[in-house]
Protein backbone atom coordinates (compact mmCIF):
# COMPACT_ATOMS: atom_id res chain seq x y z
CA MET A 1 -20.82 9.16 -20.64
CA ALA A 2 -22.02 11.21 -17.73
CA SER A 3 -20.53 10.73 -14.45
CA ILE A 4 -21.59 7.58 -12.66
CA LEU A 5 -19.61 8.24 -9.33
CA GLU A 6 -21.83 11.31 -8.76
CA GLU A 7 -24.95 8.80 -8.83
CA VAL A 8 -23.15 6.09 -6.32
CA ASN A 9 -23.56 6.81 -2.75
CA GLU A 10 -23.85 3.22 -1.43
CA PRO A 11 -23.48 -0.39 -2.81
CA LYS A 12 -27.01 -1.05 -3.74
CA ASP A 13 -26.55 2.02 -6.34
CA LEU A 14 -24.08 -0.43 -8.30
CA LYS A 15 -26.76 -3.28 -8.53
CA GLU A 16 -28.37 -2.15 -11.75
CA LEU A 17 -25.26 -0.81 -13.60
CA SER A 18 -24.12 -2.42 -17.00
CA ILE A 19 -20.55 -3.89 -17.16
CA ASP A 20 -19.84 -0.94 -19.38
CA GLU A 21 -20.95 1.54 -16.80
CA LEU A 22 -19.02 -0.27 -13.80
CA ASN A 23 -15.89 0.10 -16.37
CA HIS A 24 -16.99 3.56 -16.45
CA LEU A 25 -16.75 3.79 -12.72
CA ALA A 26 -13.62 2.45 -12.22
CA GLY A 27 -11.97 4.86 -14.63
CA GLU A 28 -13.89 7.72 -12.56
CA ILE A 29 -12.55 6.08 -9.28
CA ARG A 30 -8.93 5.48 -10.17
CA ASN A 31 -8.97 9.16 -11.37
CA THR A 32 -10.11 10.13 -8.12
CA LEU A 33 -7.82 8.12 -6.33
CA ILE A 34 -4.91 9.59 -8.50
CA GLU A 35 -5.88 13.20 -7.91
CA ASN A 36 -6.48 12.74 -4.36
CA VAL A 37 -3.84 10.77 -3.40
CA ALA A 38 -1.29 12.73 -5.37
CA MET A 39 -2.46 16.03 -2.94
CA MET A 40 -3.30 14.48 -0.07
CA GLY A 41 -0.61 11.64 0.44
CA GLY A 42 -1.51 8.31 1.26
CA HIS A 43 -1.37 4.45 -0.24
CA MET A 44 -1.17 4.88 -4.09
CA GLY A 45 0.01 1.78 -5.77
CA SER A 46 -1.98 -0.99 -3.31
CA ASN A 47 -5.30 1.12 -3.91
CA LEU A 48 -5.03 1.50 -7.70
CA GLY A 49 -4.70 -2.41 -7.98
CA MET A 50 -8.00 -3.01 -6.06
CA VAL A 51 -10.46 -0.73 -7.80
CA GLU A 52 -12.08 -3.29 -9.94
CA THR A 53 -12.17 -5.78 -7.28
CA THR A 54 -13.87 -3.80 -4.92
CA ILE A 55 -16.58 -2.75 -7.44
CA ALA A 56 -16.98 -6.48 -8.25
CA MET A 57 -17.42 -7.32 -4.42
CA HIS A 58 -19.67 -4.79 -4.05
CA TYR A 59 -21.78 -5.59 -6.96
CA VAL A 60 -22.25 -9.02 -6.13
CA PHE A 61 -22.32 -9.22 -2.33
CA ASP A 62 -24.63 -7.59 0.15
CA SER A 63 -22.16 -5.45 2.66
CA PRO A 64 -22.75 -4.88 5.51
CA LYS A 65 -24.66 -7.92 5.83
CA ASP A 66 -21.99 -9.72 3.91
CA LYS A 67 -18.58 -8.98 5.46
CA PHE A 68 -15.65 -7.68 4.11
CA VAL A 69 -12.28 -7.78 6.21
CA PHE A 70 -9.42 -5.96 4.42
CA ASP A 71 -6.06 -7.15 5.54
CA VAL A 72 -3.85 -3.90 6.60
CA SER A 73 -6.95 -2.10 4.82
CA HIS A 74 -4.35 0.16 3.15
CA GLN A 75 -6.22 -0.96 -0.22
CA SER A 76 -9.56 0.24 1.17
CA TYR A 77 -9.87 3.40 -0.52
CA THR A 78 -12.32 2.21 -3.46
CA HIS A 79 -14.59 0.53 -0.20
CA LYS A 80 -14.78 4.06 1.50
CA ILE A 81 -15.96 5.97 -1.94
CA LEU A 82 -18.53 3.09 -2.39
CA THR A 83 -20.07 3.41 0.78
CA GLY A 84 -20.66 6.91 1.58
CA ARG A 85 -17.38 8.51 2.04
CA LYS A 86 -16.78 9.45 -1.45
CA GLU A 87 -16.73 13.64 -0.29
CA GLY A 88 -13.52 12.67 1.74
CA PHE A 89 -11.83 12.04 -1.81
CA ILE A 90 -13.35 14.58 -3.70
CA ASN A 91 -13.42 17.48 -1.43
CA LYS A 92 -10.11 18.52 0.16
CA GLU A 93 -11.42 20.15 3.04
CA LYS A 94 -13.10 16.70 4.28
CA HIS A 95 -10.18 14.42 3.51
CA HIS A 96 -8.83 14.88 6.75
CA SER A 97 -11.54 13.43 8.67
CA LEU A 98 -11.28 10.11 7.08
CA SER A 99 -9.04 7.38 8.30
CA GLY A 100 -6.64 6.00 5.75
CA PHE A 101 -7.69 2.56 7.25
CA THR A 102 -11.03 0.70 7.47
CA THR A 103 -12.68 2.10 10.62
CA PRO A 104 -16.24 1.20 12.11
CA SER A 105 -16.63 4.57 13.80
CA GLU A 106 -16.71 5.94 9.83
CA SER A 107 -19.16 3.27 8.59
CA GLU A 108 -21.42 0.20 9.23
CA HIS A 109 -19.64 -1.58 6.24
CA ASP A 110 -15.92 -1.25 8.02
CA ILE A 111 -15.96 -4.10 10.86
CA PHE A 112 -12.31 -3.55 12.07
CA LYS A 113 -9.79 -1.09 12.73
CA ILE A 114 -7.17 -2.56 10.88
CA GLY A 115 -3.81 -1.12 10.02
CA HIS A 116 -1.31 -3.89 10.53
CA THR A 117 -0.66 -7.04 8.30
CA SER A 118 -1.72 -10.58 7.85
CA THR A 119 -4.47 -10.57 10.50
CA SER A 120 -7.79 -10.36 8.08
CA VAL A 121 -8.08 -14.38 7.69
CA SER A 122 -7.81 -14.58 11.39
CA LEU A 123 -10.02 -12.17 12.04
CA ALA A 124 -12.59 -13.49 9.72
CA THR A 125 -12.53 -16.54 10.60
CA GLY A 126 -13.79 -15.37 14.06
CA LEU A 127 -16.89 -13.29 12.16
CA ALA A 128 -17.68 -16.94 10.14
CA LYS A 129 -17.34 -18.80 13.55
CA ALA A 130 -19.61 -16.79 15.60
CA ARG A 131 -21.97 -16.58 12.34
CA ASP A 132 -22.23 -20.71 12.22
CA LEU A 133 -22.63 -20.36 16.16
CA LYS A 134 -25.75 -17.94 15.81
CA GLY A 135 -27.16 -20.07 12.90
CA GLY A 136 -26.64 -16.98 10.43
CA ASN A 137 -25.73 -17.17 6.69
CA GLU A 138 -23.80 -14.25 5.75
CA ASN A 139 -20.84 -14.59 3.37
CA VAL A 140 -17.69 -13.73 4.99
CA ILE A 141 -14.98 -12.22 2.56
CA ALA A 142 -11.19 -11.88 3.98
CA VAL A 143 -8.82 -9.71 1.82
CA ILE A 144 -5.61 -10.45 1.80
CA GLY A 145 -2.28 -9.72 -0.27
CA ASP A 146 0.04 -7.08 -1.30
CA GLY A 147 2.81 -8.97 0.56
CA SER A 148 0.57 -9.92 3.34
CA MET A 149 0.66 -13.44 3.23
CA SER A 150 3.90 -13.82 4.18
CA GLY A 151 3.53 -12.88 7.75
CA GLY A 152 2.94 -15.51 10.45
CA GLU A 153 -1.03 -14.89 11.59
CA ALA A 154 -1.84 -15.49 7.69
CA PHE A 155 -0.47 -18.97 8.31
CA GLU A 156 -2.14 -19.68 11.49
CA GLY A 157 -5.48 -18.11 9.86
CA LEU A 158 -5.60 -20.18 6.55
CA ASN A 159 -4.61 -23.28 8.72
CA ASN A 160 -7.91 -22.65 11.14
CA ALA A 161 -10.15 -21.39 7.90
CA SER A 162 -9.91 -24.82 6.31
CA VAL A 163 -11.48 -26.41 9.22
CA LEU A 164 -14.53 -24.38 9.38
CA ASN A 165 -16.35 -26.33 6.93
CA SER A 166 -18.71 -23.38 6.18
CA ASN A 167 -18.62 -20.60 4.16
CA PHE A 168 -15.46 -18.46 4.02
CA ILE A 169 -13.79 -16.69 1.20
CA ILE A 170 -10.52 -15.51 0.98
CA LEU A 171 -9.33 -12.83 -1.67
CA PHE A 172 -5.85 -13.45 -2.38
CA ASN A 173 -4.59 -10.28 -4.26
CA ASP A 174 -1.42 -11.30 -6.06
CA ASN A 175 0.25 -7.85 -7.38
CA GLU A 176 3.59 -9.77 -7.33
CA MET A 177 4.75 -7.42 -4.63
CA SER A 178 4.89 -6.40 -0.98
CA ILE A 179 5.79 -2.86 -0.10
CA ALA A 180 9.20 -4.13 -1.46
CA PRO A 181 9.69 -6.92 -3.76
CA ASN A 182 8.29 -10.07 -2.11
CA GLN A 183 10.78 -12.29 -0.12
CA GLY A 184 10.14 -16.12 0.79
CA GLY A 185 9.83 -19.17 -0.63
CA MET A 186 6.07 -19.32 -0.82
CA TYR A 187 6.28 -16.51 -3.58
CA SER A 188 7.98 -18.91 -5.86
CA ASN A 189 4.65 -21.19 -5.51
CA PHE A 190 2.81 -17.94 -6.32
CA LYS A 191 4.44 -17.32 -9.43
CA GLU A 192 4.14 -20.90 -10.70
CA LEU A 193 0.37 -20.70 -9.69
CA ARG A 194 0.41 -17.54 -12.28
CA GLU A 195 2.37 -18.84 -15.16
CA SER A 196 0.14 -22.07 -15.29
CA LYS A 197 -3.11 -20.17 -14.85
CA GLY A 198 -3.54 -21.75 -11.34
CA THR A 199 -3.64 -25.30 -12.78
CA SER A 200 0.17 -26.00 -11.01
CA VAL A 201 -0.07 -29.49 -8.92
CA ASN A 202 2.10 -27.69 -6.45
CA ASN A 203 -0.71 -25.54 -4.83
CA PHE A 204 0.34 -23.56 -1.47
CA PHE A 205 -3.86 -23.33 -0.73
CA LYS A 206 -4.83 -26.58 -1.52
CA THR A 207 -2.44 -28.17 1.07
CA PHE A 208 -4.48 -26.44 3.66
CA GLY A 209 -7.31 -28.23 1.96
CA LEU A 210 -9.14 -25.16 0.88
CA ASN A 211 -11.10 -24.75 -2.49
CA TYR A 212 -8.99 -22.82 -5.09
CA TYR A 213 -9.92 -20.66 -8.21
CA TYR A 214 -7.69 -18.55 -9.97
CA ILE A 215 -8.34 -15.30 -12.12
CA GLU A 216 -5.35 -14.20 -14.40
CA GLU A 217 -7.29 -10.91 -15.14
CA GLY A 218 -7.78 -9.66 -11.70
CA ASN A 219 -8.62 -6.09 -12.75
CA ASP A 220 -11.13 -7.30 -15.21
CA ILE A 221 -14.99 -6.43 -13.76
CA GLU A 222 -16.57 -8.85 -15.68
CA SER A 223 -14.23 -11.76 -14.97
CA LEU A 224 -14.64 -11.01 -11.11
CA ILE A 225 -18.04 -10.99 -11.06
CA ASP A 226 -18.60 -14.18 -12.48
CA ILE A 227 -16.29 -15.81 -9.99
CA PHE A 228 -17.63 -14.21 -7.35
CA ARG A 229 -20.98 -15.06 -8.37
CA LYS A 230 -20.08 -18.45 -8.48
CA VAL A 231 -18.48 -18.66 -4.95
CA LYS A 232 -21.31 -16.56 -3.41
CA ASP A 233 -23.10 -18.40 -0.51
CA THR A 234 -20.24 -21.41 -0.81
CA THR A 235 -20.51 -23.81 2.04
CA LYS A 236 -16.58 -24.69 1.96
CA PRO A 237 -13.63 -22.36 2.75
CA THR A 238 -12.49 -20.82 -0.52
CA VAL A 239 -9.65 -19.10 -2.06
CA ILE A 240 -10.10 -16.85 -4.89
CA HIS A 241 -6.18 -16.04 -6.10
CA LEU A 242 -6.73 -12.84 -8.27
CA HIS A 243 -3.56 -11.66 -10.55
CA THR A 244 -3.86 -7.88 -10.02
CA LEU A 245 -1.57 -5.01 -11.22
CA LYS A 246 -0.12 -2.53 -8.47
CA GLY A 247 -0.43 0.99 -9.65
CA LYS A 248 -2.66 0.25 -12.41
CA GLY A 249 -3.52 3.52 -14.31
CA LEU A 250 -0.77 5.46 -13.28
CA LYS A 251 2.31 5.07 -15.15
CA TRP A 252 5.13 5.89 -12.97
CA ALA A 253 3.38 3.61 -10.05
CA MET A 254 3.76 0.84 -12.30
CA ASP A 255 7.11 1.53 -13.14
CA ASN A 256 8.12 1.71 -9.59
CA LYS A 257 5.98 -0.39 -7.63
CA GLU A 258 8.14 -0.06 -4.34
CA ALA A 259 8.14 3.94 -4.73
CA GLY A 260 4.41 3.99 -5.97
CA HIS A 261 3.25 1.88 -2.45
CA TRP A 262 3.04 5.03 -0.55
CA MET A 263 3.43 8.76 -1.15
CA MET A 264 3.60 11.82 1.08
CA PRO A 265 1.18 14.82 -0.03
CA ALA A 266 1.76 17.27 -2.64
CA SER A 267 2.54 19.92 -0.19
CA PHE A 268 5.80 17.97 0.83
CA ASP A 269 8.93 19.47 -0.47
CA SER A 270 11.02 16.22 -1.69
CA GLU A 271 13.87 18.43 -2.77
CA ALA A 272 14.08 20.13 0.60
CA MET A 273 13.91 16.87 2.17
CA MET A 274 16.73 15.23 0.26
CA LYS A 275 19.02 17.59 1.64
CA MET A 276 18.30 17.43 5.00
CA PRO A 277 19.95 15.08 7.03
CA THR A 278 18.18 12.35 8.59
CA TYR A 279 18.44 9.56 10.74
CA GLU A 280 17.57 6.98 7.81
CA LYS A 281 20.08 8.39 5.68
CA ILE A 282 23.13 8.52 8.67
CA THR A 283 22.19 5.33 9.87
CA SER A 284 22.44 3.39 6.23
CA GLN A 285 25.86 5.08 5.52
CA PHE A 286 27.38 4.11 9.08
CA LEU A 287 26.40 0.65 8.62
CA LEU A 288 27.70 0.43 4.80
CA GLU A 289 30.78 1.44 6.33
CA LYS A 290 30.63 -1.04 8.81
CA ILE A 291 29.69 -3.61 6.40
CA LYS A 292 32.52 -3.31 4.06
CA LYS A 293 35.06 -3.64 7.27
CA ASP A 294 33.10 -6.92 8.85
CA LYS A 295 31.46 -9.60 6.82
CA THR A 296 29.65 -11.01 10.13
CA ILE A 297 27.38 -7.60 10.32
CA ALA A 298 24.21 -8.04 8.58
CA VAL A 299 21.12 -5.85 8.41
CA LEU A 300 17.25 -6.84 8.46
CA SER A 301 14.20 -5.24 7.57
CA ALA A 302 10.70 -7.03 7.71
CA GLY A 303 9.29 -6.15 4.69
CA THR A 304 9.58 -2.12 5.10
CA PRO A 305 13.08 -1.26 4.06
CA GLY A 306 12.06 2.26 2.60
CA ALA A 307 10.65 3.20 6.24
CA THR A 308 14.04 3.12 7.64
CA GLY A 309 15.96 4.65 4.83
CA LEU A 310 17.09 1.12 3.63
CA THR A 311 17.15 2.17 -0.22
CA THR A 312 17.58 -0.02 -3.33
CA ASP A 313 20.98 1.69 -3.36
CA PHE A 314 21.89 0.34 -0.03
CA ARG A 315 20.43 -3.01 -0.57
CA GLU A 316 22.31 -3.27 -3.73
CA GLN A 317 25.75 -2.50 -1.94
CA ALA A 318 25.09 -4.71 0.86
CA GLY A 319 24.57 -7.86 -0.97
CA ASN A 320 23.93 -10.77 0.98
CA GLN A 321 24.44 -8.71 4.30
CA TYR A 322 21.35 -7.24 3.85
CA ILE A 323 18.11 -9.41 4.88
CA ASP A 324 14.47 -8.80 4.08
CA VAL A 325 12.06 -11.54 5.78
CA GLY A 326 8.93 -10.30 4.48
CA VAL A 327 6.13 -8.90 6.91
CA ALA A 328 7.63 -11.59 9.59
CA GLU A 329 8.37 -9.15 12.33
CA GLU A 330 8.03 -11.85 14.74
CA HIS A 331 10.61 -14.42 12.67
CA ALA A 332 12.94 -11.12 12.61
CA VAL A 333 13.51 -11.09 16.11
CA ALA A 334 13.98 -14.70 16.54
CA MET A 335 16.32 -14.95 13.56
CA ILE A 336 18.36 -12.11 15.15
CA SER A 337 18.80 -13.83 18.41
CA GLY A 338 19.88 -17.11 16.38
CA MET A 339 22.44 -14.90 14.55
CA ALA A 340 23.89 -13.17 17.33
CA ARG A 341 24.37 -16.56 19.16
CA ASN A 342 26.26 -18.00 16.24
CA GLY A 343 28.68 -15.20 16.10
CA ALA A 344 27.17 -12.86 13.65
CA LYS A 345 26.08 -9.12 14.36
CA PRO A 346 22.74 -8.53 13.25
CA VAL A 347 21.22 -5.27 13.18
CA TYR A 348 17.17 -5.24 12.78
CA GLU A 349 15.59 -2.09 11.84
CA ILE A 350 11.59 -1.60 12.20
CA ALA A 351 9.29 1.02 12.82
CA SER A 352 7.58 1.72 16.25
CA SER A 353 4.12 0.70 15.48
CA PHE A 354 5.24 -2.48 13.90
CA SER A 355 7.65 -3.62 17.15
CA GLN A 356 4.44 -4.55 19.12
CA ARG A 357 3.92 -7.46 16.87
CA THR A 358 7.33 -8.78 18.36
CA TYR A 359 6.55 -9.05 22.22
CA ASP A 360 6.86 -12.76 22.86
CA GLN A 361 9.87 -12.97 20.37
CA LEU A 362 11.62 -10.16 22.38
CA ASN A 363 10.88 -11.56 25.39
CA HIS A 364 11.63 -15.25 24.84
CA ASP A 365 13.47 -15.79 22.19
CA LEU A 366 15.99 -12.66 22.39
CA ALA A 367 15.97 -11.54 25.71
CA MET A 368 15.76 -14.82 27.79
CA ASN A 369 18.79 -15.96 25.82
CA ASN A 370 20.41 -12.69 26.26
CA SER A 371 21.72 -12.60 22.42
CA PRO A 372 23.56 -9.56 21.60
CA ALA A 373 22.04 -8.26 18.79
CA THR A 374 21.09 -4.69 17.96
CA ILE A 375 17.30 -3.33 17.13
CA LEU A 376 16.91 0.05 15.67
CA VAL A 377 13.24 1.54 16.64
CA PHE A 378 12.48 3.94 13.90
CA GLY A 379 9.54 6.54 14.40
CA GLY A 380 8.95 6.58 17.87
CA SER A 381 7.31 9.41 19.35
CA ILE A 382 3.85 10.80 20.42
CA GLY A 383 1.65 11.58 17.56
CA GLY A 384 -1.83 12.17 15.92
CA GLY A 385 -2.45 10.11 12.81
CA ASP A 386 -4.10 7.03 12.40
CA CYS A 387 -4.33 4.97 15.83
CA THR A 388 -3.15 2.08 13.86
CA HIS A 389 0.24 3.41 13.42
CA LEU A 390 0.98 5.46 16.80
CA GLY A 391 4.67 5.23 17.78
CA MET A 392 4.54 5.90 21.35
CA PHE A 393 4.08 2.03 22.77
CA ASP A 394 7.29 0.65 22.21
CA MET A 395 8.84 2.12 25.29
CA SER A 396 6.76 0.52 28.04
CA LEU A 397 6.54 -2.37 25.92
CA MET A 398 10.34 -3.03 25.63
CA SER A 399 11.76 -1.49 28.71
CA ASN A 400 10.19 -3.87 31.17
CA ILE A 401 11.58 -7.20 29.73
CA PRO A 402 14.90 -8.18 31.59
CA ASN A 403 18.25 -8.18 29.64
CA LEU A 404 16.97 -5.66 27.09
CA VAL A 405 19.15 -2.84 27.25
CA CYS A 406 17.04 0.12 25.90
CA LEU A 407 19.02 3.31 25.07
CA ALA A 408 17.45 6.81 23.87
CA PRO A 409 20.27 8.68 22.09
CA THR A 410 19.64 12.61 21.88
CA THR A 411 22.30 13.48 19.46
CA LYS A 412 23.78 12.33 16.31
CA GLU A 413 27.04 11.66 17.94
CA GLU A 414 25.64 9.83 21.17
CA TYR A 415 23.45 7.98 18.59
CA LEU A 416 26.44 6.62 16.53
CA ALA A 417 28.73 5.77 19.27
CA MET A 418 25.95 3.90 21.09
CA LEU A 419 25.29 2.05 17.53
CA ASP A 420 28.87 1.27 17.18
CA TRP A 421 29.15 0.11 20.66
CA SER A 422 25.76 -2.24 20.37
CA ILE A 423 27.32 -3.72 17.29
CA GLU A 424 30.65 -4.73 18.53
CA GLN A 425 29.43 -5.67 22.00
CA ASN A 426 28.53 -9.34 23.04
CA SER A 427 26.72 -8.99 26.37
CA TYR A 428 23.16 -7.82 25.85
CA PRO A 429 20.51 -7.52 23.47
CA VAL A 430 20.11 -3.89 22.75
CA ILE A 431 17.20 -1.49 21.75
CA ILE A 432 18.33 1.84 20.14
CA ARG A 433 15.14 4.15 19.91
CA VAL A 434 16.29 6.36 16.64
CA PRO A 435 15.22 10.18 17.51
CA LYS A 436 13.22 11.74 15.11
CA LYS A 437 15.08 15.03 14.84
CA VAL A 438 19.05 15.52 13.94
CA VAL A 439 21.00 17.41 16.26
CA SER A 440 24.71 17.36 16.13
CA THR A 441 26.90 19.10 18.68
CA GLY A 442 30.13 18.33 16.68
CA LYS A 443 31.81 16.70 19.73
CA GLU A 444 32.91 13.26 20.23
CA VAL A 445 31.07 10.80 22.26
CA SER A 446 32.49 7.42 23.10
CA PHE A 447 30.11 5.05 24.67
CA SER A 448 30.93 1.79 26.67
CA GLN A 449 29.17 -0.90 28.53
CA GLU A 450 29.60 1.13 31.62
CA ASN A 451 28.16 4.68 29.78
CA CYS A 452 24.96 2.36 28.97
CA MET A 453 24.11 2.04 32.41
CA LYS A 454 24.85 5.66 33.49
CA ALA A 455 22.76 8.93 33.31
CA VAL A 456 24.53 12.15 32.27
CA ILE A 457 24.25 15.69 33.77
CA GLU A 458 24.07 17.80 30.84
CA LYS A 459 23.81 21.29 32.96
CA GLN A 460 23.87 21.60 36.50
CA GLY A 461 21.50 23.58 38.79
CA ASN A 462 19.48 22.89 41.72
CA LYS A 463 16.07 23.17 42.75
CA VAL A 464 14.45 21.46 39.86
CA ALA A 465 15.84 18.80 37.85
CA LEU A 466 14.85 18.01 34.27
CA LEU A 467 15.15 14.49 33.27
CA GLY A 468 14.90 14.70 28.99
CA LEU A 469 14.78 11.37 27.58
CA GLY A 470 15.96 11.07 24.02
CA ASN A 471 13.78 13.08 21.63
CA PHE A 472 12.45 15.15 24.67
CA MET A 473 16.04 16.39 25.79
CA ALA A 474 14.88 19.12 23.49
CA LEU A 475 11.86 19.85 25.42
CA ALA A 476 13.70 19.98 28.69
CA LYS A 477 16.13 22.46 27.30
CA GLU A 478 13.06 24.38 26.20
CA VAL A 479 11.61 24.06 29.61
CA SER A 480 15.02 25.03 31.22
CA GLU A 481 15.10 28.38 29.44
CA LEU A 482 11.77 29.50 30.45
CA LEU A 483 12.58 28.71 33.91
CA ALA A 484 15.64 30.52 33.88
CA SER A 485 13.74 33.62 32.82
CA LYS A 486 12.01 33.16 36.23
CA SER A 487 15.22 33.01 38.05
CA ILE A 488 15.26 29.05 38.57
CA ASN A 489 18.50 27.44 37.48
CA ALA A 490 17.13 24.00 36.35
CA THR A 491 19.33 20.85 36.18
CA ILE A 492 19.07 19.02 32.95
CA VAL A 493 19.80 15.16 32.93
CA ASN A 494 20.28 12.92 29.83
CA PRO A 495 19.02 9.63 31.51
CA VAL A 496 20.48 7.53 28.39
CA ASN A 497 18.93 4.03 29.38
CA TYR A 498 15.14 3.95 29.74
CA SER A 499 15.12 0.05 30.64
CA MET A 500 16.71 1.18 34.08
CA ILE A 501 17.37 4.26 36.25
CA ASP A 502 20.88 5.62 37.38
CA LYS A 503 20.29 5.43 41.39
CA ASP A 504 23.69 7.38 41.87
CA ILE A 505 22.53 10.07 39.74
CA LEU A 506 18.84 10.48 41.41
CA HIS A 507 20.43 9.95 44.87
CA GLN A 508 22.69 12.92 44.23
CA LEU A 509 19.69 15.08 42.77
CA LYS A 510 17.99 14.54 46.36
CA GLU A 511 20.93 16.90 48.03
CA ASN A 512 19.82 20.10 46.32
CA HIS A 513 16.48 19.43 44.51
CA ASP A 514 12.84 19.64 45.33
CA LEU A 515 11.29 18.60 42.51
CA VAL A 516 12.11 16.21 39.53
CA VAL A 517 10.36 16.60 36.09
CA THR A 518 10.41 13.43 33.90
CA LEU A 519 10.07 13.97 30.17
CA GLU A 520 9.36 11.19 27.95
CA ASP A 521 8.13 10.54 24.45
CA GLY A 522 5.90 7.80 24.66
CA LEU A 523 3.35 6.31 27.01
CA LEU A 524 3.51 7.07 30.57
CA ASP A 525 2.25 3.77 31.91
CA GLY A 526 4.95 1.53 32.12
CA GLY A 527 7.53 4.22 31.32
CA PHE A 528 10.56 5.43 32.43
CA GLY A 529 8.86 7.91 34.50
CA GLU A 530 7.40 5.43 36.82
CA LYS A 531 10.77 4.04 37.12
CA VAL A 532 11.64 7.23 38.83
CA ASP A 533 8.60 7.53 41.03
CA ARG A 534 9.38 4.25 42.36
CA TYR A 535 12.52 5.36 43.41
CA TYR A 536 11.56 8.60 44.86
CA ALA A 537 8.51 6.90 46.51
CA THR A 538 10.15 6.96 50.30
CA PHE A 539 11.90 10.09 50.01
CA ASN A 540 10.74 13.73 50.18
CA MET A 541 11.14 14.77 46.70
CA LYS A 542 8.26 15.67 44.53
CA VAL A 543 8.07 14.09 41.12
CA LEU A 544 5.97 15.15 37.75
CA ASN A 545 5.91 12.79 35.09
CA TYR A 546 5.34 14.19 31.50
CA GLY A 547 4.43 11.72 28.46
CA ALA A 548 1.36 10.57 26.93
CA GLU A 549 -1.60 9.18 28.39
CA LYS A 550 -3.04 5.53 27.39
CA ASN A 551 -5.50 6.55 24.55
CA TYR A 552 -5.78 5.59 21.11
CA ASN A 553 -5.53 9.16 19.94
CA ASP A 554 -7.14 8.57 16.20
CA LEU A 555 -6.72 11.44 13.88
CA VAL A 556 -6.12 13.69 16.57
CA PRO A 557 -3.45 16.50 15.38
CA LEU A 558 -0.39 16.40 17.12
CA ALA A 559 -0.74 19.94 18.89
CA GLU A 560 -3.86 19.02 20.58
CA VAL A 561 -2.25 15.62 21.54
CA TYR A 562 0.30 17.81 23.13
CA ASN A 563 -2.00 20.42 24.80
CA MET A 564 -4.05 17.52 26.28
CA ASN A 565 -1.06 15.99 28.02
CA ARG A 566 0.34 19.14 29.03
CA LEU A 567 3.38 18.86 26.90
CA ASN A 568 4.00 22.40 25.83
CA ALA A 569 6.95 24.02 27.65
CA GLU A 570 4.63 26.75 28.88
CA GLN A 571 2.37 24.22 30.55
CA ILE A 572 5.23 22.29 32.33
CA VAL A 573 6.70 25.46 33.66
CA GLU A 574 3.23 26.85 34.80
CA ASP A 575 3.15 23.01 36.82
CA ILE A 576 6.49 23.27 38.02
CA LEU A 577 5.59 26.59 39.35
CA ASN A 578 2.81 25.72 41.02
CA ASN A 579 4.55 22.82 42.82
CA ILE A 580 7.77 24.59 44.07
CA ARG A 581 5.42 27.23 45.79
CA LYS A 582 3.86 24.48 48.01
């Protein structure tokens, strides 16, 4: 059969195809995805499992009039291919212009920019309510699954969707997985529903008052078309429970669904990476040693253990001292507060871009109760990529909450000393922003309650002081070297703590410095530099702040982001020279 994908450029091109042709198209799309993702990187397993569902959706419904909301939208690649963006998957030169998630600026078929979990039902209820207020008649379809159902917002969305009393369709993609294996009691009911082919009287969705249909062959296009036609233009909120196969069509992704969830591009040297020291490996090894000696220590993840180095081997060795709460970051923060209050020593590992989901719990449940738990924030830095996963917001978000002690280590030794102290102390909730690149001095570092409030002068100079926070200590040293070539002996300060300033050090700098420069790998607004600014506001001290402006840098190359924010050492030195000459 000739290529059908070549002839499909928009959803209406599907409408006249036969079932055989649709199945042939599914095979072409699956092969395209396997080749593209293997070469360019991205979400593999979740997209391979959704090929047939997405084809059937566009065959039956009428996008963009009918509105699709993909939860996380990490399973929307087929949707992109069918809505005019297939060149980004076929032509490698055009791939980098595409987001890995739904993006309204790319297509009218994308309603929201989405990259975090458990949001689709809530967003789609808003679309449906607005439609009802305006007297519209379009279908509103929320796609959720691949672990997303365990997030708290999904519960809230289901609870409110059930009382819409109008057209609302929820496609529950049940592939028996999250990123890692599913966690939580609801998944026992989903298993019961699968085994009973949807007939069990114990039905999670019916407890909300939602209409319910079950499809065992969630990768069968004909079955999907039949059920979608049945519910199209429904007047009641309805759930279609689809049993799909994650990684379908790629053996290794089906055999190892966790590893197949997401993959690096082919240019990524995995063997070299395995040999490189990383903070993920360093942290896991350190925590395993701590766990063996102390049964009250526990390590938590919210459904993303692989992202922070909590490998299958780690989990097996940790036993019940490892806890995966599913994609429920808010619950994780409240849980570690409870654990700490009752004498346990919890360590919660989270990616920077997901930490923003926890603000109220950080504030109310953890900090207000001053529970001595430890949170390790991985991936915090100024970056490019999709704006849904930027890691530059965590510092300003966390550092302005009372009682939270926020630490930014600069070396491996400093990091491990901070981590060891944080686990054993019982005075504060502690955030440690895990550095990106491993720098080891080989020098032993001690850390105590007094240390956590004090900055450290790494190099004494005069005239210019460089405060290099965390990741940006390396940038401070690079700037210092360039200044030295211009006969300026700059002081280098390690701030250590970014939730407070060391006024003693700042006072000391006034004696023989004309300019203080703050360097932080995060947002300027609400950041560490602004705290330094406030201290010096009534003194005769110039201050320059370097970090990221408040923008969603979406798919902007990192080099360009640095250039826009004047974060290159040469730019910083130019600014310093211009200011000290005045």
